[in-house]
Amino acid sequence: MNRYDLGLEYVKITLLGTGTSQGVPVIGCKCDVCTSGDVRDNRLRTSILIEVRDVSVVVDTGPDFRVQMLREDVCSLDAIVYTHEHKDHLAGMDDVRAFNQIHNRAMEVWANKDVEKALRRDFFYAFGDTKEGG
């Protein structure tokens, strides 16, 4: 967690995950990092939370998204920025529904066309008026 003075206000940036696409430790890996007892060598998949005043934006929702939101006690989310369409950056999209229910609105999503295509393919039930998918 860091604060940067941008002149007019503060931005709070929380590193939610800094691990690889498989997380750290990697399943079955016996390297020094993966077998380390150092808590800094136990990292979730990459994501950040950016907070400015009362606006919260997450960059990427990987498979660890739910755990990251619970760990940081995030109760409000206004938007998501997706960097690219790999699963380690999209797989947590299903857990965004909790924020849809809290705010009673659709989530604002910023992404390129390739990411949008992957999201609509993999999470088809999240788009439109249907309540399908839980």
C-alpha atoms as a PDB file:
ATOM      1  CA  MET A   1       0.000   0.000   0.000  1.00  0.00           C
ATOM      2  CA  ASN A   2       1.472   3.323  -1.073  1.00  0.00           C
ATOM      3  CA  ARG A   3       0.230   6.897  -1.273  1.00  0.00           C
ATOM      4  CA  TYR A   4       1.404   9.230  -3.993  1.00  0.00           C
ATOM      5  CA  ASP A   5       0.811  12.970  -3.819  1.00  0.00           C
ATOM      6  CA  LEU A   6      -0.472  13.964  -7.245  1.00  0.00           C
ATOM      7  CA  GLY A   7      -0.925  17.597  -6.293  1.00  0.00           C
ATOM      8  CA  LEU A   8      -4.682  17.762  -5.829  1.00  0.00           C
ATOM      9  CA  GLU A   9      -5.374  14.606  -3.850  1.00  0.00           C
ATOM     10  CA  TYR A  10      -3.993  11.278  -2.782  1.00  0.00           C
ATOM     11  CA  VAL A  11      -4.205   8.022  -4.660  1.00  0.00           C
ATOM     12  CA  LYS A  12      -4.059   4.797  -2.669  1.00  0.00           C
ATOM     13  CA  ILE A  13      -2.643   1.828  -4.578  1.00  0.00           C
ATOM     14  CA  THR A  14      -2.894  -1.643  -3.052  1.00  0.00           C
ATOM     15  CA  LEU A  15      -0.923  -4.498  -4.585  1.00  0.00           C
ATOM     16  CA  LEU A  16      -3.454  -7.330  -4.428  1.00  0.00           C
ATOM     17  CA  GLY A  17      -1.168  -9.874  -6.035  1.00  0.00           C
ATOM     18  CA  THR A  18       2.355  -9.872  -7.424  1.00  0.00           C
ATOM     19  CA  GLY A  19       2.782 -13.534  -8.325  1.00  0.00           C
ATOM     20  CA  THR A  20       3.161 -15.268 -11.654  1.00  0.00           C
ATOM     21  CA  SER A  21       0.276 -16.590 -13.762  1.00  0.00           C
ATOM     22  CA  GLN A  22       0.356 -19.708 -11.555  1.00  0.00           C
ATOM     23  CA  GLY A  23       0.835 -17.834  -8.291  1.00  0.00           C
ATOM     24  CA  VAL A  24       3.723 -18.418  -5.887  1.00  0.00           C
ATOM     25  CA  PRO A  25       4.478 -21.051  -4.748  1.00  0.00           C
ATOM     26  CA  VAL A  26       3.824 -22.989  -7.942  1.00  0.00           C
ATOM     27  CA  ILE A  27       2.197 -26.388  -7.423  1.00  0.00           C
ATOM     28  CA  GLY A  28       4.854 -29.116  -7.291  1.00  0.00           C
ATOM     29  CA  CYS A  29       7.798 -26.732  -7.632  1.00  0.00           C
ATOM     30  CA  LYS A  30      10.741 -27.407  -5.332  1.00  0.00           C
ATOM     31  CA  CYS A  31      12.817 -24.303  -6.115  1.00  0.00           C
ATOM     32  CA  ASP A  32      14.122 -22.101  -3.295  1.00  0.00           C
ATOM     33  CA  VAL A  33      11.347 -19.511  -3.700  1.00  0.00           C
ATOM     34  CA  CYS A  34       8.487 -22.022  -3.825  1.00  0.00           C
ATOM     35  CA  THR A  35       9.764 -23.905  -0.763  1.00  0.00           C
ATOM     36  CA  SER A  36      10.656 -20.760   1.166  1.00  0.00           C
ATOM     37  CA  GLY A  37       9.084 -20.112   4.549  1.00  0.00           C
ATOM     38  CA  ASP A  38       9.233 -16.359   3.916  1.00  0.00           C
ATOM     39  CA  VAL A  39       5.687 -14.937   3.707  1.00  0.00           C
ATOM     40  CA  ARG A  40       6.861 -12.672   0.874  1.00  0.00           C
ATOM     41  CA  ASP A  41       7.274 -15.818  -1.242  1.00  0.00           C
ATOM     42  CA  ASN A  42       3.563 -16.632  -0.996  1.00  0.00           C
ATOM     43  CA  ARG A  43       1.956 -14.396  -3.635  1.00  0.00           C
ATOM     44  CA  LEU A  44      -1.403 -14.320  -5.360  1.00  0.00           C
ATOM     45  CA  ARG A  45      -1.869 -13.588  -9.056  1.00  0.00           C
ATOM     46  CA  THR A  46      -1.281 -10.064 -10.281  1.00  0.00           C
ATOM     47  CA  SER A  47      -3.856  -7.358  -9.604  1.00  0.00           C
ATOM     48  CA  ILE A  48      -3.991  -3.886  -8.085  1.00  0.00           C
ATOM     49  CA  LEU A  49      -6.658  -1.785  -6.414  1.00  0.00           C
ATOM     50  CA  ILE A  50      -6.614   1.966  -7.071  1.00  0.00           C
ATOM     51  CA  GLU A  51      -8.611   4.238  -4.769  1.00  0.00           C
ATOM     52  CA  VAL A  52      -9.124   7.975  -5.258  1.00  0.00           C
ATOM     53  CA  ARG A  53     -11.558   9.609  -2.839  1.00  0.00           C
ATOM     54  CA  ASP A  54     -14.624   7.351  -2.937  1.00  0.00           C
ATOM     55  CA  VAL A  55     -13.826   5.687  -6.290  1.00  0.00           C
ATOM     56  CA  SER A  56     -12.287   2.197  -6.408  1.00  0.00           C
ATOM     57  CA  VAL A  57     -10.915   0.584  -9.554  1.00  0.00           C
ATOM     58  CA  VAL A  58      -9.330  -2.862  -9.886  1.00  0.00           C
ATOM     59  CA  VAL A  59      -6.856  -3.760 -12.604  1.00  0.00           C
ATOM     60  CA  ASP A  60      -7.539  -7.395 -13.615  1.00  0.00           C
ATOM     61  CA  THR A  61      -9.667 -10.006 -11.845  1.00  0.00           C
ATOM     62  CA  GLY A  62      -7.639 -13.198 -11.846  1.00  0.00           C
ATOM     63  CA  PRO A  63      -8.563 -16.496 -10.188  1.00  0.00           C
ATOM     64  CA  ASP A  64      -7.552 -15.054  -6.792  1.00  0.00           C
ATOM     65  CA  PHE A  65      -9.913 -12.051  -7.082  1.00  0.00           C
ATOM     66  CA  ARG A  66     -12.417 -13.219  -4.445  1.00  0.00           C
ATOM     67  CA  VAL A  67      -9.697 -13.950  -1.883  1.00  0.00           C
ATOM     68  CA  GLN A  68      -8.040 -10.602  -2.616  1.00  0.00           C
ATOM     69  CA  MET A  69     -11.289  -8.669  -2.127  1.00  0.00           C
ATOM     70  CA  LEU A  70     -12.032 -10.473   1.150  1.00  0.00           C
ATOM     71  CA  ARG A  71      -8.469 -10.083   2.444  1.00  0.00           C
ATOM     72  CA  GLU A  72      -8.501  -6.317   1.799  1.00  0.00           C
ATOM     73  CA  ASP A  73     -12.115  -5.918   2.993  1.00  0.00           C
ATOM     74  CA  VAL A  74     -13.167  -4.264  -0.269  1.00  0.00           C
ATOM     75  CA  CYS A  75     -16.902  -3.555  -0.015  1.00  0.00           C
ATOM     76  CA  SER A  76     -17.269  -1.226  -2.985  1.00  0.00           C
ATOM     77  CA  LEU A  77     -15.921  -1.394  -6.527  1.00  0.00           C
ATOM     78  CA  ASP A  78     -16.693   1.110  -9.285  1.00  0.00           C
ATOM     79  CA  ALA A  79     -14.813  -0.190 -12.314  1.00  0.00           C
ATOM     80  CA  ILE A  80     -12.430  -2.801 -13.671  1.00  0.00           C
ATOM     81  CA  VAL A  81      -9.582  -2.293 -16.124  1.00  0.00           C
ATOM     82  CA  TYR A  82      -8.512  -5.429 -17.995  1.00  0.00           C
ATOM     83  CA  THR A  83      -4.995  -5.478 -19.409  1.00  0.00           C
ATOM     84  CA  HIS A  84      -5.295  -8.548 -21.642  1.00  0.00           C
ATOM     85  CA  GLU A  85      -7.360 -11.672 -22.196  1.00  0.00           C
ATOM     86  CA  HIS A  86      -5.310 -14.368 -20.441  1.00  0.00           C
ATOM     87  CA  LYS A  87      -7.208 -16.396 -17.831  1.00  0.00           C
ATOM     88  CA  ASP A  88      -4.891 -15.300 -15.024  1.00  0.00           C
ATOM     89  CA  HIS A  89      -6.292 -11.792 -15.586  1.00  0.00           C
ATOM     90  CA  LEU A  90      -9.979 -12.624 -16.259  1.00  0.00           C
ATOM     91  CA  ALA A  91     -10.934 -15.753 -14.295  1.00  0.00           C
ATOM     92  CA  GLY A  92     -12.300 -13.868 -11.278  1.00  0.00           C
ATOM     93  CA  MET A  93     -14.919 -12.034 -13.331  1.00  0.00           C
ATOM     94  CA  ASP A  94     -17.640 -14.304 -11.931  1.00  0.00           C
ATOM     95  CA  ASP A  95     -17.029 -12.915  -8.429  1.00  0.00           C
ATOM     96  CA  VAL A  96     -17.716  -9.370  -9.638  1.00  0.00           C
ATOM     97  CA  ARG A  97     -21.424 -10.232  -9.260  1.00  0.00           C
ATOM     98  CA  ALA A  98     -21.206  -9.494  -5.528  1.00  0.00           C
ATOM     99  CA  PHE A  99     -20.421  -5.864  -6.349  1.00  0.00           C
ATOM    100  CA  ASN A 100     -23.269  -5.774  -8.908  1.00  0.00           C
ATOM    101  CA  GLN A 101     -25.618  -6.851  -6.139  1.00  0.00           C
ATOM    102  CA  ILE A 102     -24.195  -4.384  -3.594  1.00  0.00           C
ATOM    103  CA  HIS A 103     -24.537  -1.429  -5.997  1.00  0.00           C
ATOM    104  CA  ASN A 104     -27.570  -2.750  -7.900  1.00  0.00           C
ATOM    105  CA  ARG A 105     -25.971  -1.853 -11.224  1.00  0.00           C
ATOM    106  CA  ALA A 106     -23.706  -3.189 -13.932  1.00  0.00           C
ATOM    107  CA  MET A 107     -19.963  -2.908 -13.448  1.00  0.00           C
ATOM    108  CA  GLU A 108     -18.073  -0.424 -15.594  1.00  0.00           C
ATOM    109  CA  VAL A 109     -15.415  -2.350 -17.527  1.00  0.00           C
ATOM    110  CA  TRP A 110     -12.548  -0.900 -19.536  1.00  0.00           C
ATOM    111  CA  ALA A 111     -10.943  -3.315 -21.993  1.00  0.00           C
ATOM    112  CA  ASN A 112      -9.835  -3.724 -25.571  1.00  0.00           C
ATOM    113  CA  LYS A 113     -11.851  -5.709 -28.140  1.00  0.00           C
ATOM    114  CA  ASP A 114      -9.914  -8.969 -27.576  1.00  0.00           C
ATOM    115  CA  VAL A 115     -10.621  -8.845 -23.840  1.00  0.00           C
ATOM    116  CA  GLU A 116     -14.281  -7.999 -24.445  1.00  0.00           C
ATOM    117  CA  LYS A 117     -14.599 -10.968 -26.803  1.00  0.00           C
ATOM    118  CA  ALA A 118     -13.034 -13.323 -24.224  1.00  0.00           C
ATOM    119  CA  LEU A 119     -15.250 -11.987 -21.424  1.00  0.00           C
ATOM    120  CA  ARG A 120     -18.431 -12.338 -23.490  1.00  0.00           C
ATOM    121  CA  ARG A 121     -17.428 -15.874 -24.513  1.00  0.00           C
ATOM    122  CA  ASP A 122     -16.430 -17.129 -21.064  1.00  0.00           C
ATOM    123  CA  PHE A 123     -18.928 -15.174 -18.947  1.00  0.00           C
ATOM    124  CA  PHE A 124     -21.856 -14.941 -21.384  1.00  0.00           C
ATOM    125  CA  TYR A 125     -24.328 -15.094 -18.491  1.00  0.00           C
ATOM    126  CA  ALA A 126     -22.951 -11.852 -17.032  1.00  0.00           C
ATOM    127  CA  PHE A 127     -24.122  -9.798 -19.994  1.00  0.00           C
ATOM    128  CA  GLY A 128     -27.707  -8.773 -20.642  1.00  0.00           C
ATOM    129  CA  ASP A 129     -30.778  -8.904 -18.425  1.00  0.00           C
ATOM    130  CA  THR A 130     -30.651 -12.577 -17.488  1.00  0.00           C
ATOM    131  CA  LYS A 131     -30.173 -13.716 -13.883  1.00  0.00           C
ATOM    132  CA  GLU A 132     -28.717 -17.026 -15.115  1.00  0.00           C
ATOM    133  CA  GLY A 133     -25.523 -18.133 -13.424  1.00  0.00           C
ATOM    134  CA  GLY A 134     -26.492 -17.566  -9.799  1.00  0.00           C
END
